[in-house]
């Protein structure tokens, strides 16, 4: 099964790629992983009218999302929400998300990005995707580096959280893939 890991931050000096590579490494034990960095996707910030031509950047990303059986969204929390470029990416696509499971990996200050996670759940519900219950939340993530700069510290316990979340994601991905195969999803 294919998992698209989406890096939701495009900010300079961002921590998202570190987290995304870590979760992709964990997920590679169970999925074929496609790492999507929104900083390189260059999606236009302005959405078109329905009759406008699809921008090339959107056309490039669409098949990568469409062929994914599941998603893992890596997001920071900015001002109790998720970043605008991630919202733009969600809004550019619609059917690509339908009847597919989404795991959320968030990071931030003391809450570990849980406000961003709560808001993403609402948006994915509207996109007819299924967010799985368990997440990986990384509070004060900068404190989890080892002396030699590796992340995360083994004692942080993030691997156990990731395993549980990914095990659930595999179950949902297979169940929803089976359902979509037997009967196409109707909006």
Protein backbone atom coordinates (compact mmCIF):
# COMPACT_ATOMS: atom_id res chain seq x y z
CA UNK A 1 0.00 0.00 0.00
CA UNK A 2 1.08 3.56 -0.71
CA UNK A 3 1.38 6.23 1.97
CA UNK A 4 1.81 9.90 1.11
CA UNK A 5 3.64 11.70 3.92
CA UNK A 6 2.91 15.41 3.56
CA UNK A 7 5.18 18.06 5.08
CA UNK A 8 2.70 20.82 5.94
CA UNK A 9 5.12 23.64 6.75
CA UNK A 10 6.94 25.76 4.20
CA UNK A 11 8.55 28.16 6.69
CA UNK A 12 12.29 28.82 6.60
CA UNK A 13 14.12 26.91 9.32
CA UNK A 14 11.19 24.52 9.73
CA UNK A 15 11.32 21.30 11.71
CA UNK A 16 8.79 19.50 9.51
CA UNK A 17 11.29 17.67 7.28
CA UNK A 18 13.01 16.16 10.34
CA UNK A 19 9.69 14.82 11.63
CA UNK A 20 8.51 13.73 8.17
CA UNK A 21 11.69 11.76 7.43
CA UNK A 22 11.41 10.10 10.84
CA UNK A 23 7.76 9.09 10.34
CA UNK A 24 8.50 7.99 6.76
CA UNK A 25 11.26 5.74 8.10
CA UNK A 26 8.82 4.24 10.63
CA UNK A 27 6.11 3.84 7.97
CA UNK A 28 8.43 2.20 5.43
CA UNK A 29 8.13 -1.00 7.46
CA UNK A 30 4.48 -1.25 6.36
CA UNK A 31 4.00 1.09 3.36
CA UNK A 32 5.56 2.23 0.15
CA UNK A 33 6.20 5.88 1.12
CA UNK A 34 5.91 8.97 -1.07
CA UNK A 35 7.30 12.04 0.73
CA UNK A 36 5.56 15.23 -0.42
CA UNK A 37 7.13 18.52 0.64
CA UNK A 38 4.72 21.41 0.13
CA UNK A 39 7.70 23.80 0.06
CA UNK A 40 8.67 22.25 -3.27
CA UNK A 41 5.14 21.76 -4.61
CA UNK A 42 4.76 25.48 -5.40
CA UNK A 43 0.96 25.33 -5.32
CA UNK A 44 -0.64 28.64 -6.24
CA UNK A 45 -2.12 30.47 -3.24
CA UNK A 46 -5.15 31.63 -5.22
CA UNK A 47 -7.80 29.07 -6.10
CA UNK A 48 -9.33 29.38 -9.59
CA UNK A 49 -12.90 29.55 -10.79
CA UNK A 50 -14.31 26.19 -11.83
CA UNK A 51 -13.81 26.94 -15.55
CA UNK A 52 -10.15 27.93 -15.22
CA UNK A 53 -7.39 25.64 -16.44
CA UNK A 54 -5.67 23.50 -13.79
CA UNK A 55 -2.24 24.94 -12.96
CA UNK A 56 0.70 22.70 -13.85
CA UNK A 57 1.84 22.43 -10.22
CA UNK A 58 -1.59 21.11 -9.21
CA UNK A 59 -1.62 18.65 -12.11
CA UNK A 60 1.78 17.29 -11.01
CA UNK A 61 0.71 16.67 -7.41
CA UNK A 62 -2.78 15.29 -8.15
CA UNK A 63 -1.73 11.79 -9.27
CA UNK A 64 0.60 11.38 -6.28
CA UNK A 65 -2.33 12.07 -3.95
CA UNK A 66 -4.82 10.06 -6.00
CA UNK A 67 -2.67 6.92 -5.97
CA UNK A 68 -2.05 7.08 -2.22
CA UNK A 69 -3.99 4.58 -0.13
CA UNK A 70 -3.39 6.62 3.04
CA UNK A 71 -1.91 9.91 4.20
CA UNK A 72 0.27 11.03 7.09
CA UNK A 73 0.18 14.79 7.53
CA UNK A 74 3.08 16.35 9.44
CA UNK A 75 2.09 19.76 10.74
CA UNK A 76 3.36 22.38 13.12
CA UNK A 77 0.96 24.41 15.22
CA UNK A 78 1.00 28.14 14.51
CA UNK A 79 -1.36 30.31 16.57
CA UNK A 80 -3.47 27.30 17.62
CA UNK A 81 -3.93 26.14 14.01
CA UNK A 82 -2.14 24.55 11.08
CA UNK A 83 -0.21 26.51 8.41
CA UNK A 84 -1.88 28.29 5.51
CA UNK A 85 0.13 26.39 2.83
CA UNK A 86 -1.30 23.13 4.17
CA UNK A 87 -4.84 24.52 3.95
CA UNK A 88 -4.12 25.64 0.39
CA UNK A 89 -2.94 22.13 -0.49
CA UNK A 90 -6.05 20.59 1.03
CA UNK A 91 -8.31 22.99 -0.87
CA UNK A 92 -6.71 22.40 -4.28
CA UNK A 93 -7.78 18.75 -4.22
CA UNK A 94 -11.05 17.03 -3.42
CA UNK A 95 -11.63 13.53 -4.76
CA UNK A 96 -8.01 12.59 -4.07
CA UNK A 97 -8.85 12.56 -0.32
CA UNK A 98 -12.17 10.66 -0.52
CA UNK A 99 -12.60 7.53 1.58
CA UNK A 100 -8.94 7.38 2.57
CA UNK A 101 -7.44 7.38 6.07
CA UNK A 102 -5.32 10.20 7.42
CA UNK A 103 -2.87 10.04 10.30
CA UNK A 104 -1.73 13.31 11.83
CA UNK A 105 1.71 13.96 13.29
CA UNK A 106 1.87 17.36 14.97
CA UNK A 107 4.51 19.33 16.76
CA UNK A 108 4.63 22.54 18.72
CA UNK A 109 5.04 23.98 22.14
CA UNK A 110 3.43 22.42 25.21
CA UNK A 111 0.35 21.04 23.39
CA UNK A 112 2.44 19.32 20.74
CA UNK A 113 0.18 20.69 18.02
CA UNK A 114 -3.08 19.21 19.26
CA UNK A 115 -5.06 22.36 18.32
CA UNK A 116 -3.82 22.01 14.75
CA UNK A 117 -4.80 18.34 14.83
CA UNK A 118 -8.34 19.15 15.99
CA UNK A 119 -8.80 21.64 13.16
CA UNK A 120 -7.38 19.25 10.57
CA UNK A 121 -9.90 16.62 11.66
CA UNK A 122 -12.71 19.04 10.80
CA UNK A 123 -11.29 19.83 7.38
CA UNK A 124 -10.63 16.19 6.49
CA UNK A 125 -14.20 15.30 7.48
CA UNK A 126 -15.44 17.82 4.92
CA UNK A 127 -13.08 16.28 2.34
CA UNK A 128 -14.69 12.89 3.09
CA UNK A 129 -11.49 11.42 4.47
CA UNK A 130 -11.21 9.47 7.72
CA UNK A 131 -8.79 10.68 10.37
CA UNK A 132 -7.64 7.90 12.64
CA UNK A 133 -7.97 8.34 16.36
CA UNK A 134 -4.37 7.94 17.47
CA UNK A 135 -1.88 10.61 16.54
CA UNK A 136 1.72 11.44 17.33
CA UNK A 137 1.97 14.76 19.17
CA UNK A 138 5.42 16.19 19.80
CA UNK A 139 5.38 18.80 22.59
CA UNK A 140 8.51 20.89 23.01
CA UNK A 141 10.14 18.78 20.29
CA UNK A 142 13.39 20.77 20.45
CA UNK A 143 14.10 19.20 23.85
CA UNK A 144 14.21 15.69 22.36
CA UNK A 145 17.57 15.89 20.59
CA UNK A 146 20.44 13.68 21.71
CA UNK A 147 23.84 15.16 22.55
CA UNK A 148 25.09 14.34 19.03
CA UNK A 149 22.07 16.01 17.37
CA UNK A 150 19.97 12.94 16.58
CA UNK A 151 16.22 13.17 16.95
CA UNK A 152 14.25 11.88 18.75
CA UNK A 153 15.86 10.69 21.94
CA UNK A 154 15.07 6.99 22.42
CA UNK A 155 13.51 7.71 25.82
CA UNK A 156 10.98 10.12 24.28
CA UNK A 157 8.62 7.25 23.53
CA UNK A 158 7.69 8.55 20.10
CA UNK A 159 8.44 5.22 18.40
CA UNK A 160 5.68 3.46 20.39
CA UNK A 161 3.20 6.23 19.52
CA UNK A 162 4.17 6.01 15.86
CA UNK A 163 3.84 2.23 15.79
CA UNK A 164 0.34 2.32 17.25
CA UNK A 165 -0.74 5.08 14.88
CA UNK A 166 0.75 3.34 11.84
CA UNK A 167 -0.77 -0.03 12.78
CA UNK A 168 -4.17 1.66 12.90
CA UNK A 169 -3.45 3.45 9.63
CA UNK A 170 -2.61 0.14 7.92
CA UNK A 171 -5.90 -1.35 9.13
CA UNK A 172 -7.94 1.60 7.91
CA UNK A 173 -6.05 1.82 4.62
CA UNK A 174 -6.71 -1.84 3.86
CA UNK A 175 -10.36 -1.67 4.96
CA UNK A 176 -11.08 1.43 2.89
CA UNK A 177 -9.14 0.11 -0.11
CA UNK A 178 -11.19 -3.09 0.01
CA UNK A 179 -14.40 -1.04 0.26
CA UNK A 180 -13.44 1.28 -2.64
CA UNK A 181 -12.49 -1.76 -4.75
CA UNK A 182 -15.80 -3.54 -4.13
CA UNK A 183 -17.92 -0.45 -4.51
CA UNK A 184 -16.75 2.95 -5.82
CA UNK A 185 -17.12 5.74 -3.29
CA UNK A 186 -20.20 7.91 -3.82
CA UNK A 187 -20.16 11.51 -2.67
